[in-house]
Amino acid sequence: AGADVAPLIVPIPVRGVPESLAKKAGIPGAAVQDNLGAVLGHAGVAEPMVLLAHVLQSAKPGAKIVLMGFGQGADVLVFEATEALAKHQHPLGVQGWLARRKPETNYMKFLCFNDLLDIERG
């Protein structure tokens, strides 16, 4: 049942869409997982798996996790956390890797690194 779901992972960066989907599925709004947009940005095709890894770090046995993925269609995966999670070590986890990040704020470097602008190396 929708009321049993927590957390709900919806990697859509548009504000309000995850909550709207939750409501239509009968899932409490409080179950919607933060998409980490403020610290992660948009991770593209990897985003659903990054968010799942993040959720699994703190999931309790018995938790019903729903992961939605969107592209040229939609996928919905349902997981139930087990006791095995308690035995798994998370050396850094998603938050640890995000804490180690080195953001690039120079837009010209971004353009060059992504081959969107030719640069004369001299």
PDB file of N, CA and C in Angstrom:
ATOM      1  N   ALA A   1       0.844  -1.192   0.000  1.00  0.00           N
ATOM      2  CA  ALA A   1       0.000   0.000   0.000  1.00  0.00           C
ATOM      3  C   ALA A   1       0.880   1.243   0.000  1.00  0.00           C
ATOM      4  N   GLY A   2       0.359   2.311  -0.573  1.00  0.00           N
ATOM      5  CA  GLY A   2       1.116   3.561  -0.632  1.00  0.00           C
ATOM      6  C   GLY A   2       1.525   4.070   0.729  1.00  0.00           C
ATOM      7  N   ALA A   3       0.696   3.877   1.718  1.00  0.00           N
ATOM      8  CA  ALA A   3       1.006   4.352   3.066  1.00  0.00           C
ATOM      9  C   ALA A   3       2.210   3.631   3.673  1.00  0.00           C
ATOM     10  N   ASP A   4       2.574   2.463   3.135  1.00  0.00           N
ATOM     11  CA  ASP A   4       3.712   1.697   3.643  1.00  0.00           C
ATOM     12  C   ASP A   4       5.047   2.161   3.073  1.00  0.00           C
ATOM     13  N   VAL A   5       5.008   2.999   2.044  1.00  0.00           N
ATOM     14  CA  VAL A   5       6.230   3.411   1.353  1.00  0.00           C
ATOM     15  C   VAL A   5       6.952   4.506   2.119  1.00  0.00           C
ATOM     16  N   ALA A   6       8.217   4.298   2.342  1.00  0.00           N
ATOM     17  CA  ALA A   6       9.102   5.317   2.907  1.00  0.00           C
ATOM     18  C   ALA A   6      10.512   4.776   2.791  1.00  0.00           C
ATOM     19  N   PRO A   7      11.350   5.396   2.053  1.00  0.00           N
ATOM     20  CA  PRO A   7      11.176   6.631   1.311  1.00  0.00           C
ATOM     21  C   PRO A   7      10.754   6.401  -0.142  1.00  0.00           C
ATOM     22  N   LEU A   8      10.340   7.491  -0.770  1.00  0.00           N
ATOM     23  CA  LEU A   8      10.028   7.518  -2.195  1.00  0.00           C
ATOM     24  C   LEU A   8      11.110   8.355  -2.865  1.00  0.00           C
ATOM     25  N   ILE A   9      11.782   7.767  -3.836  1.00  0.00           N
ATOM     26  CA  ILE A   9      12.870   8.455  -4.541  1.00  0.00           C
ATOM     27  C   ILE A   9      12.381   8.814  -5.941  1.00  0.00           C
ATOM     28  N   VAL A  10      12.292  10.111  -6.205  1.00  0.00           N
ATOM     29  CA  VAL A  10      11.853  10.602  -7.513  1.00  0.00           C
ATOM     30  C   VAL A  10      12.891  11.613  -7.998  1.00  0.00           C
ATOM     31  N   PRO A  11      13.820  11.181  -8.854  1.00  0.00           N
ATOM     32  CA  PRO A  11      14.895  12.083  -9.294  1.00  0.00           C
ATOM     33  C   PRO A  11      14.455  13.049 -10.391  1.00  0.00           C
ATOM     34  N   ILE A  12      13.524  13.912 -10.039  1.00  0.00           N
ATOM     35  CA  ILE A  12      13.054  14.946 -10.957  1.00  0.00           C
ATOM     36  C   ILE A  12      13.374  16.290 -10.320  1.00  0.00           C
ATOM     37  N   PRO A  13      14.112  17.158 -11.020  1.00  0.00           N
ATOM     38  CA  PRO A  13      14.518  18.424 -10.415  1.00  0.00           C
ATOM     39  C   PRO A  13      13.428  19.490 -10.351  1.00  0.00           C
ATOM     40  N   VAL A  14      12.254  19.228 -10.917  1.00  0.00           N
ATOM     41  CA  VAL A  14      11.184  20.219 -10.921  1.00  0.00           C
ATOM     42  C   VAL A  14      10.446  20.181  -9.587  1.00  0.00           C
ATOM     43  N   ARG A  15      10.436  21.307  -8.910  1.00  0.00           N
ATOM     44  CA  ARG A  15       9.830  21.403  -7.579  1.00  0.00           C
ATOM     45  C   ARG A  15       8.342  21.038  -7.632  1.00  0.00           C
ATOM     46  N   GLY A  16       7.915  20.222  -6.687  1.00  0.00           N
ATOM     47  CA  GLY A  16       6.519  19.863  -6.548  1.00  0.00           C
ATOM     48  C   GLY A  16       6.105  18.599  -7.289  1.00  0.00           C
ATOM     49  N   VAL A  17       6.864  18.193  -8.300  1.00  0.00           N
ATOM     50  CA  VAL A  17       6.499  17.003  -9.069  1.00  0.00           C
ATOM     51  C   VAL A  17       6.580  15.734  -8.215  1.00  0.00           C
ATOM     52  N   PRO A  18       7.663  15.514  -7.462  1.00  0.00           N
ATOM     53  CA  PRO A  18       7.708  14.299  -6.640  1.00  0.00           C
ATOM     54  C   PRO A  18       6.539  14.223  -5.647  1.00  0.00           C
ATOM     55  N   GLU A  19       6.207  15.344  -5.033  1.00  0.00           N
ATOM     56  CA  GLU A  19       5.106  15.360  -4.071  1.00  0.00           C
ATOM     57  C   GLU A  19       3.769  15.072  -4.767  1.00  0.00           C
ATOM     58  N   SER A  20       3.596  15.602  -5.967  1.00  0.00           N
ATOM     59  CA  SER A  20       2.374  15.364  -6.734  1.00  0.00           C
ATOM     60  C   SER A  20       2.240  13.886  -7.103  1.00  0.00           C
ATOM     61  N   LEU A  21       3.350  13.271  -7.530  1.00  0.00           N
ATOM     62  CA  LEU A  21       3.329  11.843  -7.854  1.00  0.00           C
ATOM     63  C   LEU A  21       3.023  11.007  -6.614  1.00  0.00           C
ATOM     64  N   ALA A  22       3.603  11.395  -5.492  1.00  0.00           N
ATOM     65  CA  ALA A  22       3.354  10.672  -4.242  1.00  0.00           C
ATOM     66  C   ALA A  22       1.869  10.727  -3.889  1.00  0.00           C
ATOM     67  N   LYS A  23       1.289  11.907  -3.995  1.00  0.00           N
ATOM     68  CA  LYS A  23      -0.124  12.078  -3.653  1.00  0.00           C
ATOM     69  C   LYS A  23      -1.007  11.204  -4.537  1.00  0.00           C
ATOM     70  N   LYS A  24      -0.719  11.175  -5.842  1.00  0.00           N
ATOM     71  CA  LYS A  24      -1.520  10.369  -6.768  1.00  0.00           C
ATOM     72  C   LYS A  24      -1.389   8.877  -6.481  1.00  0.00           C
ATOM     73  N   ALA A  25      -0.252   8.461  -5.915  1.00  0.00           N
ATOM     74  CA  ALA A  25      -0.022   7.042  -5.613  1.00  0.00           C
ATOM     75  C   ALA A  25      -0.446   6.677  -4.192  1.00  0.00           C
ATOM     76  N   GLY A  26      -0.962   7.648  -3.439  1.00  0.00           N
ATOM     77  CA  GLY A  26      -1.375   7.374  -2.069  1.00  0.00           C
ATOM     78  C   GLY A  26      -0.209   7.255  -1.110  1.00  0.00           C
ATOM     79  N   ILE A  27       0.928   7.829  -1.493  1.00  0.00           N
ATOM     80  CA  ILE A  27       2.132   7.787  -0.657  1.00  0.00           C
ATOM     81  C   ILE A  27       2.217   9.104   0.120  1.00  0.00           C
ATOM     82  N   PRO A  28       2.468   9.055   1.423  1.00  0.00           N
ATOM     83  CA  PRO A  28       2.552  10.293   2.201  1.00  0.00           C
ATOM     84  C   PRO A  28       3.633  11.228   1.658  1.00  0.00           C
ATOM     85  N   GLY A  29       3.349  12.511   1.656  1.00  0.00           N
ATOM     86  CA  GLY A  29       4.312  13.500   1.174  1.00  0.00           C
ATOM     87  C   GLY A  29       5.618  13.476   1.950  1.00  0.00           C
ATOM     88  N   ALA A  30       5.536  13.114   3.221  1.00  0.00           N
ATOM     89  CA  ALA A  30       6.743  13.054   4.052  1.00  0.00           C
ATOM     90  C   ALA A  30       7.697  11.954   3.604  1.00  0.00           C
ATOM     91  N   ALA A  31       7.215  11.008   2.803  1.00  0.00           N
ATOM     92  CA  ALA A  31       8.062   9.904   2.335  1.00  0.00           C
ATOM     93  C   ALA A  31       8.977  10.316   1.185  1.00  0.00           C
ATOM     94  N   VAL A  32       8.693  11.469   0.562  1.00  0.00           N
ATOM     95  CA  VAL A  32       9.488  11.906  -0.586  1.00  0.00           C
ATOM     96  C   VAL A  32      10.901  12.258  -0.131  1.00  0.00           C
ATOM     97  N   GLN A  33      11.875  11.609  -0.745  1.00  0.00           N
ATOM     98  CA  GLN A  33      13.294  11.783  -0.414  1.00  0.00           C
ATOM     99  C   GLN A  33      13.838  13.055  -1.072  1.00  0.00           C
ATOM    100  N   ASP A  34      14.651  13.788  -0.350  1.00  0.00           N
ATOM    101  CA  ASP A  34      15.347  14.947  -0.920  1.00  0.00           C
ATOM    102  C   ASP A  34      16.197  14.463  -2.089  1.00  0.00           C
ATOM    103  N   ASN A  35      16.138  15.162  -3.225  1.00  0.00           N
ATOM    104  CA  ASN A  35      16.908  14.734  -4.395  1.00  0.00           C
ATOM    105  C   ASN A  35      18.347  15.264  -4.378  1.00  0.00           C
ATOM    106  N   LEU A  36      18.763  15.869  -3.284  1.00  0.00           N
ATOM    107  CA  LEU A  36      20.129  16.375  -3.090  1.00  0.00           C
ATOM    108  C   LEU A  36      20.535  17.409  -4.139  1.00  0.00           C
ATOM    109  N   GLY A  37      19.551  18.017  -4.786  1.00  0.00           N
ATOM    110  CA  GLY A  37      19.841  18.997  -5.836  1.00  0.00           C
ATOM    111  C   GLY A  37      20.714  20.149  -5.372  1.00  0.00           C
ATOM    112  N   ALA A  38      20.572  20.577  -4.119  1.00  0.00           N
ATOM    113  CA  ALA A  38      21.344  21.710  -3.615  1.00  0.00           C
ATOM    114  C   ALA A  38      22.832  21.398  -3.482  1.00  0.00           C
ATOM    115  N   VAL A  39      23.182  20.126  -3.268  1.00  0.00           N
ATOM    116  CA  VAL A  39      24.585  19.768  -3.094  1.00  0.00           C
ATOM    117  C   VAL A  39      25.125  18.885  -4.213  1.00  0.00           C
ATOM    118  N   LEU A  40      24.232  18.189  -4.913  1.00  0.00           N
ATOM    119  CA  LEU A  40      24.650  17.277  -5.975  1.00  0.00           C
ATOM    120  C   LEU A  40      24.443  17.869  -7.353  1.00  0.00           C
ATOM    121  N   GLY A  41      23.408  18.685  -7.495  1.00  0.00           N
ATOM    122  CA  GLY A  41      23.039  19.165  -8.816  1.00  0.00           C
ATOM    123  C   GLY A  41      22.278  18.057  -9.520  1.00  0.00           C
ATOM    124  N   HIS A  42      22.336  18.035 -10.832  1.00  0.00           N
ATOM    125  CA  HIS A  42      21.647  17.001 -11.608  1.00  0.00           C
ATOM    126  C   HIS A  42      22.686  16.000 -12.087  1.00  0.00           C
ATOM    127  N   ALA A  43      22.566  14.750 -11.663  1.00  0.00           N
ATOM    128  CA  ALA A  43      23.562  13.726 -11.991  1.00  0.00           C
ATOM    129  C   ALA A  43      23.198  12.924 -13.239  1.00  0.00           C
ATOM    130  N   GLY A  44      22.164  13.335 -13.936  1.00  0.00           N
ATOM    131  CA  GLY A  44      21.796  12.656 -15.172  1.00  0.00           C
ATOM    132  C   GLY A  44      21.332  11.229 -14.935  1.00  0.00           C
ATOM    133  N   VAL A  45      21.781  10.334 -15.809  1.00  0.00           N
ATOM    134  CA  VAL A  45      21.331   8.945 -15.764  1.00  0.00           C
ATOM    135  C   VAL A  45      21.741   8.250 -14.459  1.00  0.00           C
ATOM    136  N   ALA A  46      22.771   8.724 -13.804  1.00  0.00           N
ATOM    137  CA  ALA A  46      23.244   8.112 -12.559  1.00  0.00           C
ATOM    138  C   ALA A  46      22.423   8.534 -11.344  1.00  0.00           C
ATOM    139  N   GLU A  47      21.629   9.574 -11.476  1.00  0.00           N
ATOM    140  CA  GLU A  47      20.951  10.138 -10.308  1.00  0.00           C
ATOM    141  C   GLU A  47      20.077   9.150  -9.542  1.00  0.00           C
ATOM    142  N   PRO A  48      19.232   8.330 -10.194  1.00  0.00           N
ATOM    143  CA  PRO A  48      18.431   7.391  -9.405  1.00  0.00           C
ATOM    144  C   PRO A  48      19.287   6.454  -8.547  1.00  0.00           C
ATOM    145  N   MET A  49      20.385   5.969  -9.095  1.00  0.00           N
ATOM    146  CA  MET A  49      21.233   5.039  -8.335  1.00  0.00           C
ATOM    147  C   MET A  49      21.993   5.746  -7.222  1.00  0.00           C
ATOM    148  N   VAL A  50      22.406   6.989  -7.455  1.00  0.00           N
ATOM    149  CA  VAL A  50      23.074   7.758  -6.400  1.00  0.00           C
ATOM    150  C   VAL A  50      22.102   7.988  -5.248  1.00  0.00           C
ATOM    151  N   LEU A  51      20.870   8.356  -5.572  1.00  0.00           N
ATOM    152  CA  LEU A  51      19.871   8.590  -4.528  1.00  0.00           C
ATOM    153  C   LEU A  51      19.508   7.298  -3.799  1.00  0.00           C
ATOM    154  N   LEU A  52      19.461   6.182  -4.527  1.00  0.00           N
ATOM    155  CA  LEU A  52      19.201   4.892  -3.873  1.00  0.00           C
ATOM    156  C   LEU A  52      20.337   4.557  -2.906  1.00  0.00           C
ATOM    157  N   ALA A  53      21.573   4.748  -3.334  1.00  0.00           N
ATOM    158  CA  ALA A  53      22.719   4.486  -2.447  1.00  0.00           C
ATOM    159  C   ALA A  53      22.643   5.363  -1.207  1.00  0.00           C
ATOM    160  N   HIS A  54      22.251   6.603  -1.386  1.00  0.00           N
ATOM    161  CA  HIS A  54      22.127   7.532  -0.263  1.00  0.00           C
ATOM    162  C   HIS A  54      21.060   7.050   0.720  1.00  0.00           C
ATOM    163  N   VAL A  55      19.929   6.613   0.208  1.00  0.00           N
ATOM    164  CA  VAL A  55      18.836   6.129   1.054  1.00  0.00           C
ATOM    165  C   VAL A  55      19.228   4.857   1.794  1.00  0.00           C
ATOM    166  N   LEU A  56      19.934   3.960   1.109  1.00  0.00           N
ATOM    167  CA  LEU A  56      20.305   2.682   1.725  1.00  0.00           C
ATOM    168  C   LEU A  56      21.256   2.847   2.901  1.00  0.00           C
ATOM    169  N   GLN A  57      21.985   3.957   2.948  1.00  0.00           N
ATOM    170  CA  GLN A  57      22.899   4.204   4.062  1.00  0.00           C
ATOM    171  C   GLN A  57      22.167   4.296   5.396  1.00  0.00           C
ATOM    172  N   SER A  58      20.929   4.789   5.367  1.00  0.00           N
ATOM    173  CA  SER A  58      20.205   4.985   6.626  1.00  0.00           C
ATOM    174  C   SER A  58      18.904   4.184   6.701  1.00  0.00           C
ATOM    175  N   ALA A  59      18.646   3.335   5.713  1.00  0.00           N
ATOM    176  CA  ALA A  59      17.401   2.554   5.706  1.00  0.00           C
ATOM    177  C   ALA A  59      17.380   1.541   6.837  1.00  0.00           C
ATOM    178  N   LYS A  60      16.234   1.401   7.433  1.00  0.00           N
ATOM    179  CA  LYS A  60      16.033   0.425   8.501  1.00  0.00           C
ATOM    180  C   LYS A  60      15.432  -0.850   7.908  1.00  0.00           C
ATOM    181  N   PRO A  61      15.727  -2.008   8.483  1.00  0.00           N
ATOM    182  CA  PRO A  61      15.125  -3.255   7.990  1.00  0.00           C
ATOM    183  C   PRO A  61      13.601  -3.137   7.927  1.00  0.00           C
ATOM    184  N   GLY A  62      13.052  -3.602   6.825  1.00  0.00           N
ATOM    185  CA  GLY A  62      11.610  -3.545   6.638  1.00  0.00           C
ATOM    186  C   GLY A  62      11.133  -2.330   5.868  1.00  0.00           C
ATOM    187  N   ALA A  63      12.018  -1.347   5.678  1.00  0.00           N
ATOM    188  CA  ALA A  63      11.625  -0.146   4.934  1.00  0.00           C
ATOM    189  C   ALA A  63      11.253  -0.516   3.502  1.00  0.00           C
ATOM    190  N   LYS A  64      10.153   0.041   3.024  1.00  0.00           N
ATOM    191  CA  LYS A  64       9.702  -0.165   1.645  1.00  0.00           C
ATOM    192  C   LYS A  64      10.176   1.032   0.839  1.00  0.00           C
ATOM    193  N   ILE A  65      11.128   0.817  -0.031  1.00  0.00           N
ATOM    194  CA  ILE A  65      11.746   1.895  -0.813  1.00  0.00           C
ATOM    195  C   ILE A  65      11.223   1.821  -2.240  1.00  0.00           C
ATOM    196  N   VAL A  66      10.697   2.933  -2.723  1.00  0.00           N
ATOM    197  CA  VAL A  66      10.236   3.001  -4.110  1.00  0.00           C
ATOM    198  C   VAL A  66      11.130   3.990  -4.844  1.00  0.00           C
ATOM    199  N   LEU A  67      11.684   3.517  -5.960  1.00  0.00           N
ATOM    200  CA  LEU A  67      12.578   4.321  -6.790  1.00  0.00           C
ATOM    201  C   LEU A  67      11.939   4.482  -8.163  1.00  0.00           C
ATOM    202  N   MET A  68      11.747   5.732  -8.561  1.00  0.00           N
ATOM    203  CA  MET A  68      11.195   6.007  -9.877  1.00  0.00           C
ATOM    204  C   MET A  68      12.308   6.529 -10.774  1.00  0.00           C
ATOM    205  N   GLY A  69      12.271   6.133 -12.028  1.00  0.00           N
ATOM    206  CA  GLY A  69      13.224   6.622 -13.009  1.00  0.00           C
ATOM    207  C   GLY A  69      12.475   7.050 -14.253  1.00  0.00           C
ATOM    208  N   PHE A  70      12.887   8.167 -14.816  1.00  0.00           N
ATOM    209  CA  PHE A  70      12.216   8.702 -15.988  1.00  0.00           C
ATOM    210  C   PHE A  70      13.230   8.974 -17.083  1.00  0.00           C
ATOM    211  N   GLY A  71      12.837   8.753 -18.301  1.00  0.00           N
ATOM    212  CA  GLY A  71      13.676   9.010 -19.458  1.00  0.00           C
ATOM    213  C   GLY A  71      12.757   9.020 -20.656  1.00  0.00           C
ATOM    214  N   GLN A  72      12.902   8.047 -21.504  1.00  0.00           N
ATOM    215  CA  GLN A  72      11.968   7.905 -22.617  1.00  0.00           C
ATOM    216  C   GLN A  72      10.876   6.919 -22.222  1.00  0.00           C
ATOM    217  N   GLY A  73      10.504   6.983 -21.003  1.00  0.00           N
ATOM    218  CA  GLY A  73       9.521   6.101 -20.397  1.00  0.00           C
ATOM    219  C   GLY A  73       9.659   6.249 -18.902  1.00  0.00           C
ATOM    220  N   ALA A  74       9.127   5.314 -18.183  1.00  0.00           N
ATOM    221  CA  ALA A  74       9.225   5.384 -16.728  1.00  0.00           C
ATOM    222  C   ALA A  74       9.446   3.988 -16.168  1.00  0.00           C
ATOM    223  N   ASP A  75      10.251   3.916 -15.130  1.00  0.00           N
ATOM    224  CA  ASP A  75      10.497   2.673 -14.412  1.00  0.00           C
ATOM    225  C   ASP A  75      10.181   2.926 -12.947  1.00  0.00           C
ATOM    226  N   VAL A  76       9.599   1.944 -12.309  1.00  0.00           N
ATOM    227  CA  VAL A  76       9.356   2.019 -10.868  1.00  0.00           C
ATOM    228  C   VAL A  76       9.870   0.725 -10.266  1.00  0.00           C
ATOM    229  N   LEU A  77      10.827   0.848  -9.359  1.00  0.00           N
ATOM    230  CA  LEU A  77      11.400  -0.308  -8.679  1.00  0.00           C
ATOM    231  C   LEU A  77      11.025  -0.236  -7.205  1.00  0.00           C
ATOM    232  N   VAL A  78      10.637  -1.369  -6.647  1.00  0.00           N
ATOM    233  CA  VAL A  78      10.248  -1.424  -5.236  1.00  0.00           C
ATOM    234  C   VAL A  78      11.207  -2.365  -4.522  1.00  0.00           C
ATOM    235  N   PHE A  79      11.774  -1.878  -3.424  1.00  0.00           N
ATOM    236  CA  PHE A  79      12.727  -2.651  -2.636  1.00  0.00           C
ATOM    237  C   PHE A  79      12.234  -2.726  -1.194  1.00  0.00           C
ATOM    238  N   GLU A  80      12.638  -3.793  -0.507  1.00  0.00           N
ATOM    239  CA  GLU A  80      12.410  -3.872   0.928  1.00  0.00           C
ATOM    240  C   GLU A  80      13.769  -4.081   1.585  1.00  0.00           C
ATOM    241  N   ALA A  81      14.117  -3.181   2.487  1.00  0.00           N
ATOM    242  CA  ALA A  81      15.401  -3.268   3.184  1.00  0.00           C
ATOM    243  C   ALA A  81      15.398  -4.485   4.108  1.00  0.00           C
ATOM    244  N   THR A  82      16.545  -5.132   4.209  1.00  0.00           N
ATOM    245  CA  THR A  82      16.677  -6.307   5.059  1.00  0.00           C
ATOM    246  C   THR A  82      17.725  -6.067   6.141  1.00  0.00           C
ATOM    247  N   GLU A  83      17.908  -7.066   6.996  1.00  0.00           N
ATOM    248  CA  GLU A  83      18.900  -6.999   8.068  1.00  0.00           C
ATOM    249  C   GLU A  83      20.326  -6.898   7.519  1.00  0.00           C
ATOM    250  N   ALA A  84      20.531  -7.319   6.279  1.00  0.00           N
ATOM    251  CA  ALA A  84      21.875  -7.298   5.691  1.00  0.00           C
ATOM    252  C   ALA A  84      22.446  -5.884   5.622  1.00  0.00           C
ATOM    253  N   LEU A  85      21.588  -4.871   5.559  1.00  0.00           N
ATOM    254  CA  LEU A  85      22.080  -3.491   5.505  1.00  0.00           C
ATOM    255  C   LEU A  85      22.865  -3.119   6.757  1.00  0.00           C
ATOM    256  N   ALA A  86      22.459  -3.643   7.894  1.00  0.00           N
ATOM    257  CA  ALA A  86      23.131  -3.323   9.152  1.00  0.00           C
ATOM    258  C   ALA A  86      24.568  -3.829   9.155  1.00  0.00           C
ATOM    259  N   LYS A  87      24.842  -4.888   8.408  1.00  0.00           N
ATOM    260  CA  LYS A  87      26.182  -5.475   8.358  1.00  0.00           C
ATOM    261  C   LYS A  87      27.087  -4.801   7.336  1.00  0.00           C
ATOM    262  N   HIS A  88      26.481  -4.033   6.424  1.00  0.00           N
ATOM    263  CA  HIS A  88      27.250  -3.417   5.345  1.00  0.00           C
ATOM    264  C   HIS A  88      27.954  -2.148   5.828  1.00  0.00           C
ATOM    265  N   GLN A  89      29.223  -2.029   5.506  1.00  0.00           N
ATOM    266  CA  GLN A  89      30.011  -0.852   5.875  1.00  0.00           C
ATOM    267  C   GLN A  89      29.885   0.219   4.798  1.00  0.00           C
ATOM    268  N   HIS A  90      29.745   1.461   5.219  1.00  0.00           N
ATOM    269  CA  HIS A  90      29.675   2.599   4.300  1.00  0.00           C
ATOM    270  C   HIS A  90      30.855   3.519   4.595  1.00  0.00           C
ATOM    271  N   PRO A  91      32.029   3.234   4.023  1.00  0.00           N
ATOM    272  CA  PRO A  91      33.209   4.037   4.360  1.00  0.00           C
ATOM    273  C   PRO A  91      32.996   5.540   4.141  1.00  0.00           C
ATOM    274  N   LEU A  92      32.502   5.932   2.992  1.00  0.00           N
ATOM    275  CA  LEU A  92      32.256   7.349   2.736  1.00  0.00           C
ATOM    276  C   LEU A  92      30.779   7.618   2.478  1.00  0.00           C
ATOM    277  N   GLY A  93      30.179   6.786   1.679  1.00  0.00           N
ATOM    278  CA  GLY A  93      28.790   7.005   1.323  1.00  0.00           C
ATOM    279  C   GLY A  93      28.625   8.231   0.451  1.00  0.00           C
ATOM    280  N   VAL A  94      27.426   8.491   0.051  1.00  0.00           N
ATOM    281  CA  VAL A  94      27.140   9.620  -0.838  1.00  0.00           C
ATOM    282  C   VAL A  94      27.506  10.932  -0.162  1.00  0.00           C
ATOM    283  N   GLN A  95      27.111  11.114   1.093  1.00  0.00           N
ATOM    284  CA  GLN A  95      27.431  12.360   1.787  1.00  0.00           C
ATOM    285  C   GLN A  95      28.936  12.558   1.932  1.00  0.00           C
ATOM    286  N   GLY A  96      29.662  11.485   2.169  1.00  0.00           N
ATOM    287  CA  GLY A  96      31.120  11.590   2.276  1.00  0.00           C
ATOM    288  C   GLY A  96      31.764  12.036   0.979  1.00  0.00           C
ATOM    289  N   TRP A  97      31.297  11.469  -0.130  1.00  0.00           N
ATOM    290  CA  TRP A  97      31.844  11.874  -1.425  1.00  0.00           C
ATOM    291  C   TRP A  97      31.463  13.312  -1.762  1.00  0.00           C
ATOM    292  N   LEU A  98      30.247  13.683  -1.419  1.00  0.00           N
ATOM    293  CA  LEU A  98      29.832  15.069  -1.672  1.00  0.00           C
ATOM    294  C   LEU A  98      30.649  16.049  -0.836  1.00  0.00           C
ATOM    295  N   ALA A  99      31.008  15.652   0.370  1.00  0.00           N
ATOM    296  CA  ALA A  99      31.825  16.519   1.226  1.00  0.00           C
ATOM    297  C   ALA A  99      33.225  16.711   0.652  1.00  0.00           C
ATOM    298  N   ARG A 100      33.685  15.753  -0.144  1.00  0.00           N
ATOM    299  CA  ARG A 100      35.030  15.829  -0.731  1.00  0.00           C
ATOM    300  C   ARG A 100      35.047  16.517  -2.094  1.00  0.00           C
ATOM    301  N   ARG A 101      33.898  16.935  -2.561  1.00  0.00           N
ATOM    302  CA  ARG A 101      33.813  17.488  -3.913  1.00  0.00           C
ATOM    303  C   ARG A 101      34.615  18.782  -4.043  1.00  0.00           C
ATOM    304  N   LYS A 102      34.962  19.077  -5.268  1.00  0.00           N
ATOM    305  CA  LYS A 102      35.642  20.326  -5.585  1.00  0.00           C
ATOM    306  C   LYS A 102      34.862  20.990  -6.710  1.00  0.00           C
ATOM    307  N   PRO A 103      33.960  21.883  -6.359  1.00  0.00           N
ATOM    308  CA  PRO A 103      33.110  22.490  -7.385  1.00  0.00           C
ATOM    309  C   PRO A 103      33.910  23.372  -8.337  1.00  0.00           C
ATOM    310  N   GLU A 104      33.511  23.360  -9.585  1.00  0.00           N
ATOM    311  CA  GLU A 104      34.120  24.227 -10.599  1.00  0.00           C
ATOM    312  C   GLU A 104      33.126  25.329 -10.908  1.00  0.00           C
ATOM    313  N   THR A 105      33.488  26.549 -10.563  1.00  0.00           N
ATOM    314  CA  THR A 105      32.572  27.668 -10.771  1.00  0.00           C
ATOM    315  C   THR A 105      32.965  28.530 -11.961  1.00  0.00           C
ATOM    316  N   ASN A 106      34.072  28.197 -12.608  1.00  0.00           N
ATOM    317  CA  ASN A 106      34.516  28.967 -13.775  1.00  0.00           C
ATOM    318  C   ASN A 106      33.798  28.426 -15.011  1.00  0.00           C
ATOM    319  N   TYR A 107      32.879  29.214 -15.541  1.00  0.00           N
ATOM    320  CA  TYR A 107      32.061  28.764 -16.665  1.00  0.00           C
ATOM    321  C   TYR A 107      32.900  28.516 -17.914  1.00  0.00           C
ATOM    322  N   MET A 108      33.963  29.270 -18.107  1.00  0.00           N
ATOM    323  CA  MET A 108      34.824  29.069 -19.280  1.00  0.00           C
ATOM    324  C   MET A 108      35.498  27.694 -19.213  1.00  0.00           C
ATOM    325  N   LYS A 109      35.949  27.293 -18.032  1.00  0.00           N
ATOM    326  CA  LYS A 109      36.534  25.960 -17.882  1.00  0.00           C
ATOM    327  C   LYS A 109      35.492  24.887 -18.180  1.00  0.00           C
ATOM    328  N   PHE A 110      34.275  25.088 -17.698  1.00  0.00           N
ATOM    329  CA  PHE A 110      33.200  24.137 -17.968  1.00  0.00           C
ATOM    330  C   PHE A 110      33.016  23.968 -19.474  1.00  0.00           C
ATOM    331  N   LEU A 111      32.970  25.073 -20.190  1.00  0.00           N
ATOM    332  CA  LEU A 111      32.786  25.007 -21.647  1.00  0.00           C
ATOM    333  C   LEU A 111      33.939  24.269 -22.327  1.00  0.00           C
ATOM    334  N   CYS A 112      35.161  24.526 -21.891  1.00  0.00           N
ATOM    335  CA  CYS A 112      36.334  23.875 -22.484  1.00  0.00           C
ATOM    336  C   CYS A 112      36.381  22.388 -22.134  1.00  0.00           C
ATOM    337  N   PHE A 113      36.132  22.051 -20.877  1.00  0.00           N
ATOM    338  CA  PHE A 113      36.184  20.653 -20.443  1.00  0.00           C
ATOM    339  C   PHE A 113      35.157  19.794 -21.164  1.00  0.00           C
ATOM    340  N   ASN A 114      34.046  20.405 -21.563  1.00  0.00           N
ATOM    341  CA  ASN A 114      32.973  19.674 -22.225  1.00  0.00           C
ATOM    342  C   ASN A 114      32.990  19.861 -23.743  1.00  0.00           C
ATOM    343  N   ASP A 115      34.126  20.310 -24.259  1.00  0.00           N
ATOM    344  CA  ASP A 115      34.319  20.499 -25.695  1.00  0.00           C
ATOM    345  C   ASP A 115      33.225  21.340 -26.343  1.00  0.00           C
ATOM    346  N   LEU A 116      32.777  22.357 -25.616  1.00  0.00           N
ATOM    347  CA  LEU A 116      31.781  23.269 -26.149  1.00  0.00           C
ATOM    348  C   LEU A 116      32.431  24.560 -26.640  1.00  0.00           C
ATOM    349  N   LEU A 117      33.703  24.703 -26.344  1.00  0.00           N
ATOM    350  CA  LEU A 117      34.454  25.873 -26.761  1.00  0.00           C
ATOM    351  C   LEU A 117      35.882  25.449 -27.035  1.00  0.00           C
ATOM    352  N   ASP A 118      36.377  25.821 -28.205  1.00  0.00           N
ATOM    353  CA  ASP A 118      37.778  25.520 -28.534  1.00  0.00           C
ATOM    354  C   ASP A 118      38.656  26.550 -27.828  1.00  0.00           C
ATOM    355  N   ILE A 119      39.730  26.051 -27.250  1.00  0.00           N
ATOM    356  CA  ILE A 119      40.665  26.937 -26.575  1.00  0.00           C
ATOM    357  C   ILE A 119      42.030  26.796 -27.212  1.00  0.00           C
ATOM    358  N   GLU A 120      42.700  27.932 -27.402  1.00  0.00           N
ATOM    359  CA  GLU A 120      44.061  27.906 -27.949  1.00  0.00           C
ATOM    360  C   GLU A 120      44.996  27.735 -26.761  1.00  0.00           C
ATOM    361  N   ARG A 121      45.725  26.642 -26.765  1.00  0.00           N
ATOM    362  CA  ARG A 121      46.567  26.295 -25.612  1.00  0.00           C
ATOM    363  C   ARG A 121      47.874  27.073 -25.570  1.00  0.00           C
ATOM    364  N   GLY A 122      48.298  27.644 -26.688  1.00  0.00           N
ATOM    365  CA  GLY A 122      49.503  28.464 -26.697  1.00  0.00           C
ATOM    366  C   GLY A 122      50.788  27.682 -26.603  1.00  0.00           C
TER     367      GLY A 122
END
